[in-house]
Amino acid sequence: MVDFTILLLAAFTRTSTFVGTSQVIFEPKTLVSYLCPDVTNEMLQDGLDYGAKSYRYDLITPAVTEFTSQQALLLSLLYCLATQDRESCTILADCSNRIQQVRSRHVALWLREDFSSRKMT
């Protein structure tokens, strides 16, 4: 069910970000890279690693989890809040204001249902 949900989200946004153990692979023009040139791959990678550690469900493969670019942005924002990285938080928060999909009520449900806050600390 989770795989279907992630696949459906990726189909609607038409962008995807892959999390691996050591690198992020972006399509040439993701929504985040297009609208937010100040957001670096490193910012997103830290957030994706953070999110992968707190993911509630068993991963199909240990090396790859798929997130949309909007999901990567939100996980990165949570990570920089947790680590008190004010500079990155400012950049990511500014970017999140430019992306309408981040305002979806489904995002809150996705975060609440798919991630363990205990694992995020």
N, C-alpha and C. Protein backbone atom coordinates (compact mmCIF):
# COMPACT_ATOMS: atom_id res chain seq x y z
N MET A 1 0.83 -1.19 0.00
CA MET A 1 0.00 0.00 0.00
C MET A 1 0.87 1.26 0.00
N VAL A 2 1.94 1.25 0.80
CA VAL A 2 2.83 2.41 0.87
C VAL A 2 3.49 2.64 -0.48
N ASP A 3 3.92 1.56 -1.13
CA ASP A 3 4.56 1.70 -2.43
C ASP A 3 3.60 2.34 -3.43
N PHE A 4 2.34 1.92 -3.40
CA PHE A 4 1.35 2.49 -4.29
C PHE A 4 1.15 3.97 -4.01
N THR A 5 1.10 4.35 -2.75
CA THR A 5 0.92 5.75 -2.36
C THR A 5 2.08 6.59 -2.84
N ILE A 6 3.29 6.12 -2.63
CA ILE A 6 4.47 6.87 -3.07
C ILE A 6 4.49 6.97 -4.59
N LEU A 7 4.15 5.88 -5.27
CA LEU A 7 4.10 5.89 -6.72
C LEU A 7 3.05 6.89 -7.22
N LEU A 8 1.91 6.92 -6.57
CA LEU A 8 0.85 7.84 -6.94
C LEU A 8 1.28 9.29 -6.74
N LEU A 9 1.93 9.58 -5.62
CA LEU A 9 2.43 10.93 -5.37
C LEU A 9 3.45 11.33 -6.44
N ALA A 10 4.32 10.43 -6.79
CA ALA A 10 5.33 10.72 -7.81
C ALA A 10 4.67 10.98 -9.16
N ALA A 11 3.62 10.24 -9.47
CA ALA A 11 2.94 10.43 -10.74
C ALA A 11 2.27 11.81 -10.81
N PHE A 12 1.70 12.26 -9.73
CA PHE A 12 1.05 13.56 -9.72
C PHE A 12 2.05 14.70 -9.82
N THR A 13 3.16 14.60 -9.17
CA THR A 13 4.12 15.69 -9.18
C THR A 13 5.09 15.60 -10.34
N ARG A 14 5.22 14.40 -10.92
CA ARG A 14 6.10 14.16 -12.06
C ARG A 14 7.55 14.47 -11.75
N THR A 15 7.90 14.49 -10.49
CA THR A 15 9.30 14.64 -10.10
C THR A 15 9.57 13.58 -9.06
N SER A 16 10.78 13.11 -9.04
CA SER A 16 11.11 12.17 -7.99
C SER A 16 12.56 12.31 -7.61
N THR A 17 12.81 11.95 -6.37
CA THR A 17 14.14 12.00 -5.80
C THR A 17 14.40 10.63 -5.22
N PHE A 18 15.57 10.12 -5.44
CA PHE A 18 15.90 8.81 -4.91
C PHE A 18 16.90 8.96 -3.79
N VAL A 19 16.67 8.21 -2.73
CA VAL A 19 17.57 8.24 -1.60
C VAL A 19 18.36 6.95 -1.63
N GLY A 20 19.64 7.05 -1.64
CA GLY A 20 20.50 5.89 -1.55
C GLY A 20 21.34 6.02 -0.31
N THR A 21 22.20 5.08 -0.12
CA THR A 21 23.03 5.16 1.07
C THR A 21 24.08 6.25 0.97
N SER A 22 24.41 6.67 -0.25
CA SER A 22 25.46 7.65 -0.34
C SER A 22 25.19 8.83 -1.27
N GLN A 23 24.15 8.78 -2.09
CA GLN A 23 23.94 9.90 -2.99
C GLN A 23 22.48 10.02 -3.37
N VAL A 24 22.12 11.22 -3.81
CA VAL A 24 20.78 11.51 -4.31
C VAL A 24 20.89 11.69 -5.80
N ILE A 25 19.95 11.15 -6.54
CA ILE A 25 19.94 11.30 -7.98
C ILE A 25 18.69 12.10 -8.33
N PHE A 26 18.87 13.25 -8.97
CA PHE A 26 17.75 14.09 -9.33
C PHE A 26 17.53 14.04 -10.83
N GLU A 27 16.26 14.11 -11.22
CA GLU A 27 15.96 14.30 -12.63
C GLU A 27 16.44 15.70 -13.00
N PRO A 28 16.68 15.96 -14.26
CA PRO A 28 17.24 17.26 -14.65
C PRO A 28 16.47 18.47 -14.12
N LYS A 29 15.15 18.44 -14.13
CA LYS A 29 14.38 19.59 -13.66
C LYS A 29 13.32 19.13 -12.67
N THR A 30 13.65 19.05 -11.41
CA THR A 30 12.65 18.79 -10.40
C THR A 30 12.02 20.13 -10.03
N LEU A 31 10.88 20.07 -9.42
CA LEU A 31 10.20 21.29 -9.01
C LEU A 31 11.07 22.10 -8.05
N VAL A 32 11.71 21.43 -7.12
CA VAL A 32 12.57 22.12 -6.16
C VAL A 32 13.76 22.76 -6.86
N SER A 33 14.44 22.03 -7.72
CA SER A 33 15.61 22.61 -8.39
C SER A 33 15.23 23.74 -9.33
N TYR A 34 14.05 23.67 -9.91
CA TYR A 34 13.60 24.71 -10.82
C TYR A 34 13.21 25.99 -10.07
N LEU A 35 12.44 25.85 -8.99
CA LEU A 35 11.94 27.01 -8.27
C LEU A 35 12.87 27.52 -7.18
N CYS A 36 13.79 26.70 -6.74
CA CYS A 36 14.62 27.05 -5.58
C CYS A 36 16.10 26.78 -5.87
N PRO A 37 16.75 27.62 -6.64
CA PRO A 37 18.14 27.37 -6.99
C PRO A 37 19.10 27.41 -5.80
N ASP A 38 18.70 27.99 -4.67
CA ASP A 38 19.56 28.05 -3.49
C ASP A 38 19.56 26.75 -2.68
N VAL A 39 18.61 25.87 -2.95
CA VAL A 39 18.55 24.59 -2.25
C VAL A 39 19.57 23.66 -2.89
N THR A 40 20.52 23.19 -2.09
CA THR A 40 21.58 22.33 -2.62
C THR A 40 21.21 20.85 -2.49
N ASN A 41 21.87 20.03 -3.28
CA ASN A 41 21.68 18.59 -3.17
C ASN A 41 22.06 18.09 -1.78
N GLU A 42 23.07 18.71 -1.17
CA GLU A 42 23.50 18.29 0.16
C GLU A 42 22.40 18.53 1.19
N MET A 43 21.71 19.67 1.09
CA MET A 43 20.59 19.95 2.00
C MET A 43 19.53 18.86 1.88
N LEU A 44 19.21 18.51 0.65
CA LEU A 44 18.19 17.49 0.43
C LEU A 44 18.68 16.12 0.86
N GLN A 45 19.92 15.81 0.60
CA GLN A 45 20.45 14.49 0.99
C GLN A 45 20.40 14.29 2.50
N ASP A 46 20.78 15.31 3.26
CA ASP A 46 20.73 15.20 4.72
C ASP A 46 19.30 14.92 5.18
N GLY A 47 18.33 15.61 4.59
CA GLY A 47 16.93 15.39 4.95
C GLY A 47 16.44 14.01 4.55
N LEU A 48 16.87 13.54 3.39
CA LEU A 48 16.45 12.22 2.94
C LEU A 48 17.04 11.12 3.82
N ASP A 49 18.28 11.28 4.20
CA ASP A 49 18.90 10.30 5.11
C ASP A 49 18.17 10.29 6.45
N TYR A 50 17.84 11.48 6.92
CA TYR A 50 17.10 11.64 8.18
C TYR A 50 15.73 10.97 8.08
N GLY A 51 15.03 11.19 6.98
CA GLY A 51 13.72 10.59 6.78
C GLY A 51 13.79 9.08 6.63
N ALA A 52 14.79 8.58 5.92
CA ALA A 52 14.92 7.14 5.72
C ALA A 52 15.12 6.40 7.04
N LYS A 53 15.80 7.03 7.98
CA LYS A 53 16.03 6.42 9.29
C LYS A 53 14.75 6.32 10.11
N SER A 54 13.81 7.22 9.86
CA SER A 54 12.59 7.26 10.66
C SER A 54 11.38 6.67 9.93
N TYR A 55 11.59 6.12 8.75
CA TYR A 55 10.50 5.55 7.96
C TYR A 55 9.91 4.35 8.69
N ARG A 56 8.62 4.30 8.85
CA ARG A 56 7.94 3.25 9.64
C ARG A 56 7.91 1.89 8.96
N TYR A 57 7.94 1.86 7.67
CA TYR A 57 7.72 0.63 6.94
C TYR A 57 9.03 -0.01 6.50
N ASP A 58 8.98 -1.33 6.33
CA ASP A 58 10.15 -2.03 5.84
C ASP A 58 10.43 -1.57 4.41
N LEU A 59 11.69 -1.31 4.14
CA LEU A 59 12.08 -0.91 2.80
C LEU A 59 12.14 -2.13 1.90
N ILE A 60 11.74 -1.96 0.65
CA ILE A 60 11.78 -3.07 -0.30
C ILE A 60 13.22 -3.49 -0.53
N THR A 61 14.09 -2.52 -0.69
CA THR A 61 15.51 -2.78 -0.79
C THR A 61 16.18 -1.91 0.27
N PRO A 62 17.27 -2.34 0.81
CA PRO A 62 17.91 -1.53 1.87
C PRO A 62 18.56 -0.26 1.36
N ALA A 63 18.79 -0.16 0.07
CA ALA A 63 19.57 0.98 -0.44
C ALA A 63 18.74 2.14 -0.97
N VAL A 64 17.50 1.90 -1.40
CA VAL A 64 16.77 2.95 -2.10
C VAL A 64 15.36 3.13 -1.55
N THR A 65 15.00 4.36 -1.28
CA THR A 65 13.64 4.76 -0.95
C THR A 65 13.30 5.90 -1.88
N GLU A 66 12.10 5.92 -2.40
CA GLU A 66 11.73 6.96 -3.36
C GLU A 66 10.84 8.00 -2.69
N PHE A 67 11.21 9.27 -2.85
CA PHE A 67 10.41 10.39 -2.38
C PHE A 67 10.25 11.40 -3.51
N THR A 68 9.16 12.14 -3.49
CA THR A 68 9.02 13.23 -4.45
C THR A 68 9.94 14.37 -3.99
N SER A 69 10.16 15.32 -4.88
CA SER A 69 11.02 16.44 -4.50
C SER A 69 10.38 17.26 -3.38
N GLN A 70 9.04 17.34 -3.35
CA GLN A 70 8.37 18.06 -2.26
C GLN A 70 8.57 17.34 -0.93
N GLN A 71 8.50 16.03 -0.95
CA GLN A 71 8.73 15.26 0.27
C GLN A 71 10.18 15.43 0.74
N ALA A 72 11.10 15.41 -0.20
CA ALA A 72 12.51 15.62 0.15
C ALA A 72 12.70 16.98 0.78
N LEU A 73 12.04 17.99 0.25
CA LEU A 73 12.12 19.34 0.81
C LEU A 73 11.61 19.37 2.25
N LEU A 74 10.48 18.75 2.50
CA LEU A 74 9.92 18.75 3.86
C LEU A 74 10.79 17.97 4.84
N LEU A 75 11.31 16.84 4.42
CA LEU A 75 12.20 16.07 5.29
C LEU A 75 13.47 16.86 5.58
N SER A 76 13.96 17.58 4.59
CA SER A 76 15.15 18.41 4.80
C SER A 76 14.86 19.56 5.76
N LEU A 77 13.68 20.12 5.67
CA LEU A 77 13.29 21.18 6.59
C LEU A 77 13.19 20.65 8.02
N LEU A 78 12.63 19.47 8.19
CA LEU A 78 12.58 18.86 9.53
C LEU A 78 13.99 18.61 10.07
N TYR A 79 14.87 18.12 9.19
CA TYR A 79 16.24 17.85 9.61
C TYR A 79 16.96 19.11 10.07
N CYS A 80 16.83 20.18 9.31
CA CYS A 80 17.54 21.41 9.70
C CYS A 80 16.94 22.02 10.95
N LEU A 81 15.63 21.82 11.18
CA LEU A 81 15.04 22.26 12.45
C LEU A 81 15.61 21.44 13.61
N ALA A 82 15.73 20.13 13.41
CA ALA A 82 16.25 19.26 14.46
C ALA A 82 17.71 19.56 14.79
N THR A 83 18.48 19.94 13.77
CA THR A 83 19.90 20.22 13.98
C THR A 83 20.17 21.70 14.22
N GLN A 84 19.12 22.50 14.21
CA GLN A 84 19.20 23.95 14.45
C GLN A 84 20.12 24.66 13.45
N ASP A 85 20.04 24.22 12.21
CA ASP A 85 20.79 24.85 11.12
C ASP A 85 19.93 25.98 10.56
N ARG A 86 20.09 27.16 11.12
CA ARG A 86 19.23 28.29 10.78
C ARG A 86 19.35 28.73 9.33
N GLU A 87 20.55 28.71 8.80
CA GLU A 87 20.75 29.14 7.41
C GLU A 87 19.98 28.23 6.45
N SER A 88 20.13 26.92 6.62
CA SER A 88 19.41 25.98 5.76
C SER A 88 17.91 26.08 5.97
N CYS A 89 17.48 26.25 7.21
CA CYS A 89 16.05 26.39 7.50
C CYS A 89 15.45 27.58 6.76
N THR A 90 16.18 28.67 6.74
CA THR A 90 15.70 29.87 6.06
C THR A 90 15.55 29.62 4.56
N ILE A 91 16.55 29.00 3.97
CA ILE A 91 16.52 28.70 2.53
C ILE A 91 15.39 27.73 2.21
N LEU A 92 15.26 26.67 3.00
CA LEU A 92 14.23 25.65 2.73
C LEU A 92 12.82 26.19 3.00
N ALA A 93 12.66 27.00 4.04
CA ALA A 93 11.35 27.59 4.32
C ALA A 93 10.93 28.53 3.20
N ASP A 94 11.87 29.31 2.70
CA ASP A 94 11.58 30.21 1.59
C ASP A 94 11.15 29.39 0.37
N CYS A 95 11.85 28.32 0.12
CA CYS A 95 11.51 27.45 -1.01
C CYS A 95 10.12 26.83 -0.82
N SER A 96 9.81 26.39 0.38
CA SER A 96 8.51 25.75 0.61
C SER A 96 7.36 26.70 0.35
N ASN A 97 7.59 27.99 0.51
CA ASN A 97 6.54 28.98 0.20
C ASN A 97 6.27 29.08 -1.29
N ARG A 98 7.21 28.66 -2.11
CA ARG A 98 7.06 28.75 -3.57
C ARG A 98 6.39 27.52 -4.18
N ILE A 99 6.27 26.45 -3.42
CA ILE A 99 5.77 25.19 -3.96
C ILE A 99 4.40 24.90 -3.36
N GLN A 100 3.37 25.01 -4.19
CA GLN A 100 2.00 24.86 -3.71
C GLN A 100 1.70 23.48 -3.16
N GLN A 101 2.30 22.43 -3.71
CA GLN A 101 2.01 21.07 -3.28
C GLN A 101 2.37 20.84 -1.82
N VAL A 102 3.28 21.63 -1.28
CA VAL A 102 3.69 21.48 0.12
C VAL A 102 2.54 21.83 1.05
N ARG A 103 1.58 22.61 0.59
CA ARG A 103 0.45 23.04 1.42
C ARG A 103 -0.66 22.00 1.51
N SER A 104 -0.54 20.93 0.78
CA SER A 104 -1.57 19.90 0.76
C SER A 104 -1.76 19.26 2.13
N ARG A 105 -3.03 18.99 2.48
CA ARG A 105 -3.32 18.30 3.74
C ARG A 105 -2.75 16.88 3.74
N HIS A 106 -2.55 16.34 2.56
CA HIS A 106 -2.00 14.98 2.46
C HIS A 106 -0.57 14.91 2.99
N VAL A 107 0.14 16.01 2.91
CA VAL A 107 1.52 16.04 3.39
C VAL A 107 1.56 15.79 4.89
N ALA A 108 0.68 16.44 5.64
CA ALA A 108 0.63 16.23 7.09
C ALA A 108 0.29 14.78 7.42
N LEU A 109 -0.64 14.23 6.69
CA LEU A 109 -1.01 12.82 6.89
C LEU A 109 0.17 11.91 6.57
N TRP A 110 0.85 12.19 5.48
CA TRP A 110 2.02 11.39 5.08
C TRP A 110 3.09 11.42 6.18
N LEU A 111 3.39 12.59 6.69
CA LEU A 111 4.41 12.70 7.74
C LEU A 111 3.97 11.97 9.01
N ARG A 112 2.71 12.17 9.39
CA ARG A 112 2.21 11.56 10.63
C ARG A 112 2.14 10.04 10.54
N GLU A 113 1.70 9.53 9.39
CA GLU A 113 1.48 8.10 9.25
C GLU A 113 2.73 7.30 8.88
N ASP A 114 3.62 7.87 8.10
CA ASP A 114 4.73 7.12 7.55
C ASP A 114 6.06 7.23 8.31
N PHE A 115 6.12 8.13 9.27
CA PHE A 115 7.37 8.35 9.98
C PHE A 115 7.17 8.28 11.47
N SER A 116 8.18 7.78 12.14
CA SER A 116 8.16 7.69 13.60
C SER A 116 8.94 8.87 14.17
N SER A 117 8.26 9.69 14.93
CA SER A 117 8.96 10.84 15.53
C SER A 117 10.01 10.39 16.53
N ARG A 118 9.83 9.24 17.13
CA ARG A 118 10.84 8.72 18.07
C ARG A 118 12.15 8.43 17.36
N LYS A 119 12.07 7.93 16.13
CA LYS A 119 13.27 7.62 15.37
C LYS A 119 13.93 8.88 14.82
N MET A 120 13.19 9.97 14.76
CA MET A 120 13.73 11.21 14.19
C MET A 120 14.61 11.98 15.16
N THR A 121 14.61 11.61 16.41
CA THR A 121 15.43 12.35 17.38
C THR A 121 16.85 11.87 17.39
